[in-house]
C-alpha cells in the first residue's frame, strides 16, 4: 500500500480522498452480504463530480460524530494498555495500483489494525448484547484488510461507563474478492467518466 500521512480530518487529508472510493464508504458499493449496493451509482456519481470540479464535499458532522472524536483517544489508549501494543496512527492508506483507499483508526504491529466506534449508550448496549461486529461495518473492515494487506482487524466499541466490546475480525478472502471487484470496477468507471465529461 501507499501511505498519505496527512492528519485525518485535515484539509490535506480531505483533498487526498477527493474522487476516490474509501473504506468507510465501501458499503455504498457492496452490501455486508456481498451483493451490489443500490446506492452504488449515486456514490460513483458523487466521486466523478469531485474529480471533475475539484470541489470537496461538505464534511458533515453531528453530535454523535463529535462525541466519537472526543472519546476515541481514550479508547485507543485503553486498547493499547489492555493488549500491550502500540496503535500507529496513519492518514490515508492507498491501494498499490488502484485509486482507492482506507483511513484506519490505527495499525497494530505488522499484521493488524483497529476500528474504534464510540456510539451512543443504547447503541453500545446493543453491540454488547449481540457480541459481534455490526454487519454494517463489514465492508469497511474487510476493505481495510484488503487495502492494507493485513491479517486481522479489531473492532472496538467504547463507552466510558460500560464494558468494552472488542471483536477480532480475520480476512474473509471470498468477501474481499467481491469487494475488490466492486471497488475496482467503480474506480474504472470514475476514471472513464471523468475523462468523458470534463471540459
Protein backbone atom coordinates (compact mmCIF):
# COMPACT_ATOMS: atom_id res chain seq x y z
CA UNK A 1 0.00 0.00 0.00
CA UNK A 2 0.93 3.66 -0.34
CA UNK A 3 0.50 5.87 2.73
CA UNK A 4 -0.51 9.53 2.55
CA UNK A 5 0.25 10.70 6.08
CA UNK A 6 -1.87 13.81 6.37
CA UNK A 7 -3.69 14.06 9.70
CA UNK A 8 -7.18 12.62 9.45
CA UNK A 9 -9.77 15.39 9.26
CA UNK A 10 -7.27 17.97 7.94
CA UNK A 11 -7.79 19.86 4.69
CA UNK A 12 -4.93 17.92 3.09
CA UNK A 13 -6.45 14.61 4.17
CA UNK A 14 -9.82 15.59 2.71
CA UNK A 15 -8.13 16.56 -0.54
CA UNK A 16 -6.25 13.23 -0.67
CA UNK A 17 -9.64 11.42 -0.62
CA UNK A 18 -11.10 13.52 -3.43
CA UNK A 19 -12.74 11.35 -6.08
CA UNK A 20 -11.51 8.11 -4.53
CA UNK A 21 -13.69 5.35 -3.04
CA UNK A 22 -12.68 4.87 0.61
CA UNK A 23 -13.33 2.05 3.06
CA UNK A 24 -15.79 3.96 5.24
CA UNK A 25 -17.99 4.22 2.12
CA UNK A 26 -17.37 0.78 0.59
CA UNK A 27 -20.80 -0.16 1.95
CA UNK A 28 -22.22 2.15 -0.75
CA UNK A 29 -20.73 -0.18 -3.37
CA UNK A 30 -21.23 -3.62 -1.79
CA UNK A 31 -23.56 -4.87 0.94
CA UNK A 32 -22.38 -6.80 4.02
CA UNK A 33 -23.61 -9.98 2.31
CA UNK A 34 -21.54 -9.36 -0.82
CA UNK A 35 -24.27 -8.13 -3.15
CA UNK A 36 -24.07 -4.92 -5.21
CA UNK A 37 -25.37 -1.94 -3.24
CA UNK A 38 -28.37 0.02 -4.52
CA UNK A 39 -26.52 3.25 -3.70
CA UNK A 40 -23.51 2.45 -5.93
CA UNK A 41 -24.46 4.72 -8.85
CA UNK A 42 -25.14 7.68 -6.58
CA UNK A 43 -21.79 7.26 -4.82
CA UNK A 44 -19.91 6.84 -8.11
CA UNK A 45 -21.59 9.98 -9.49
CA UNK A 46 -20.51 11.93 -6.40
CA UNK A 47 -16.89 10.83 -6.88
CA UNK A 48 -16.92 11.65 -10.60
CA UNK A 49 -18.25 15.12 -9.76
CA UNK A 50 -15.48 15.59 -7.17
CA UNK A 51 -12.85 14.62 -9.75
CA UNK A 52 -14.20 16.98 -12.40
CA UNK A 53 -14.85 20.00 -10.19
CA UNK A 54 -12.04 19.52 -7.69
CA UNK A 55 -14.56 20.56 -5.04
CA UNK A 56 -14.56 18.83 -1.68
CA UNK A 57 -17.88 17.62 -0.32
CA UNK A 58 -19.07 19.36 2.81
CA UNK A 59 -17.68 17.46 5.78
CA UNK A 60 -20.83 16.65 7.71
CA UNK A 61 -20.60 16.21 11.47
CA UNK A 62 -23.26 15.66 14.08
CA UNK A 63 -23.27 15.36 17.86
CA UNK A 64 -22.65 11.60 17.74
CA UNK A 65 -19.61 12.05 15.47
CA UNK A 66 -18.21 14.80 17.68
CA UNK A 67 -18.70 12.56 20.70
CA UNK A 68 -16.75 9.83 18.91
CA UNK A 69 -13.90 12.21 18.12
CA UNK A 70 -13.70 13.22 21.79
CA UNK A 71 -13.75 9.65 23.16
CA UNK A 72 -11.60 7.89 20.56
CA UNK A 73 -8.20 8.87 22.07
CA UNK A 74 -9.23 7.40 25.45
CA UNK A 75 -10.46 4.24 23.74
CA UNK A 76 -7.18 3.94 21.82
CA UNK A 77 -5.11 4.36 25.00
CA UNK A 78 -7.19 1.74 26.82
CA UNK A 79 -6.79 -0.69 23.93
CA UNK A 80 -3.01 -0.20 23.98
CA UNK A 81 -2.85 -0.84 27.74
CA UNK A 82 -5.12 -3.89 27.61
CA UNK A 83 -3.19 -5.50 24.78
CA UNK A 84 0.33 -4.17 25.46
CA UNK A 85 0.60 -2.82 21.92
CA UNK A 86 1.13 0.48 20.20
CA UNK A 87 -1.56 1.79 17.85
CA UNK A 88 0.13 3.64 15.00
CA UNK A 89 -1.96 6.42 13.50
CA UNK A 90 -1.78 6.92 9.75
CA UNK A 91 -3.56 9.17 7.27
CA UNK A 92 -4.91 7.65 4.07
CA UNK A 93 -3.70 4.20 3.01
CA UNK A 94 -3.97 3.85 -0.75
CA UNK A 95 -4.12 0.64 -2.77
CA UNK A 96 -0.86 -0.12 -4.56
CA UNK A 97 -2.36 0.22 -8.04
CA UNK A 98 -5.96 1.45 -7.81
CA UNK A 99 -7.13 4.91 -6.76
CA UNK A 100 -9.00 3.82 -3.65
CA UNK A 101 -8.06 3.74 0.00
CA UNK A 102 -8.80 3.46 3.70
CA UNK A 103 -8.22 5.70 6.70
CA UNK A 104 -7.74 3.26 9.60
CA UNK A 105 -8.17 4.31 13.21
CA UNK A 106 -4.77 2.68 13.65
CA UNK A 107 -2.38 -0.05 12.58
CA UNK A 108 -1.29 -2.63 15.16
CA UNK A 109 2.03 -4.43 14.85
CA UNK A 110 2.84 -5.91 11.47
CA UNK A 111 -0.39 -7.82 10.95
CA UNK A 112 -3.32 -5.94 12.47
CA UNK A 113 -5.41 -2.82 12.66
CA UNK A 114 -8.24 -1.34 14.68
CA UNK A 115 -11.58 0.30 14.04
CA UNK A 116 -12.96 2.22 17.03
CA UNK A 117 -16.59 3.24 17.45
CA UNK A 118 -17.87 5.32 20.36
CA UNK A 119 -21.63 5.02 19.88
CA UNK A 120 -24.44 6.40 21.97
CA UNK A 121 -25.06 4.35 25.14
CA UNK A 122 -28.10 2.45 23.87
CA UNK A 123 -26.28 1.54 20.66
CA UNK A 124 -23.25 0.36 22.63
CA UNK A 125 -25.55 -1.84 24.72
CA UNK A 126 -26.97 -3.37 21.54
CA UNK A 127 -23.42 -4.15 20.36
CA UNK A 128 -22.56 -5.71 23.75
CA UNK A 129 -25.69 -7.84 23.69
CA UNK A 130 -25.02 -9.05 20.15
CA UNK A 131 -21.34 -9.69 20.91
CA UNK A 132 -20.26 -9.38 17.30
CA UNK A 133 -19.32 -6.79 14.71
CA UNK A 134 -22.44 -4.99 13.46
CA UNK A 135 -22.95 -6.09 9.87
CA UNK A 136 -22.92 -2.51 8.54
CA UNK A 137 -19.18 -2.30 9.34
CA UNK A 138 -18.20 -5.45 7.43
CA UNK A 139 -17.46 -3.66 4.11
CA UNK A 140 -15.34 -1.08 5.94
CA UNK A 141 -13.32 -3.60 7.98
CA UNK A 142 -12.79 -6.11 5.17
CA UNK A 143 -11.93 -3.13 2.96
CA UNK A 144 -9.25 -2.05 5.42
CA UNK A 145 -7.87 -5.59 5.44
CA UNK A 146 -7.82 -5.59 1.62
CA UNK A 147 -6.13 -2.19 1.23
CA UNK A 148 -3.54 -2.68 3.99
CA UNK A 149 -2.96 -6.40 3.25
CA UNK A 150 -3.17 -7.20 6.96
CA UNK A 151 -4.38 -10.42 8.56
CA UNK A 152 -6.76 -9.21 11.26
CA UNK A 153 -8.66 -6.14 12.43
CA UNK A 154 -10.05 -5.46 15.89
CA UNK A 155 -13.45 -3.82 16.11
CA UNK A 156 -13.77 -1.87 19.38
CA UNK A 157 -16.95 -0.32 20.70
CA UNK A 158 -16.20 2.01 23.61
CA UNK A 159 -18.29 3.72 26.25
CA UNK A 160 -16.54 5.05 29.37
CA UNK A 161 -19.40 3.92 31.64
CA UNK A 162 -19.65 0.33 30.43
CA UNK A 163 -17.61 -2.69 29.47
CA UNK A 164 -15.83 -2.53 26.15
CA UNK A 165 -16.53 -4.77 23.20
CA UNK A 166 -13.52 -5.92 21.22
CA UNK A 167 -14.04 -8.42 18.40
CA UNK A 168 -11.20 -9.65 16.21
CA UNK A 169 -12.06 -9.98 12.53
CA UNK A 170 -9.94 -12.04 10.15
CA UNK A 171 -9.68 -11.79 6.39
CA UNK A 172 -12.65 -13.22 4.52
CA UNK A 173 -11.00 -13.89 1.18
CA UNK A 174 -14.23 -14.72 -0.65
CA UNK A 175 -15.82 -11.46 0.52
CA UNK A 176 -12.65 -9.45 -0.18
CA UNK A 177 -12.67 -10.77 -3.77
CA UNK A 178 -16.22 -9.50 -4.28
CA UNK A 179 -15.39 -6.21 -2.57
CA UNK A 180 -12.23 -5.73 -4.64
CA UNK A 181 -14.19 -6.40 -7.84
CA UNK A 182 -16.86 -3.87 -6.88
CA UNK A 183 -14.38 -1.18 -5.87
CA UNK A 184 -12.01 -1.60 -8.82
CA UNK A 185 -14.97 -1.55 -11.19
CA UNK A 186 -16.09 1.72 -9.59
CA UNK A 187 -12.58 3.15 -9.92
CA UNK A 188 -12.51 2.28 -13.64
CA UNK A 189 -15.92 3.89 -14.19
CA UNK A 190 -14.79 7.02 -12.33
CA UNK A 191 -11.64 7.28 -14.49
CA UNK A 192 -13.52 6.76 -17.78
CA UNK A 193 -16.44 9.04 -16.98
CA UNK A 194 -14.25 11.81 -15.57
CA UNK A 195 -12.35 11.94 -18.87
CA UNK A 196 -15.60 11.77 -20.83
CA UNK A 197 -17.43 14.61 -19.06
CA UNK A 198 -14.63 17.02 -18.25
CA UNK A 199 -14.48 20.21 -20.33
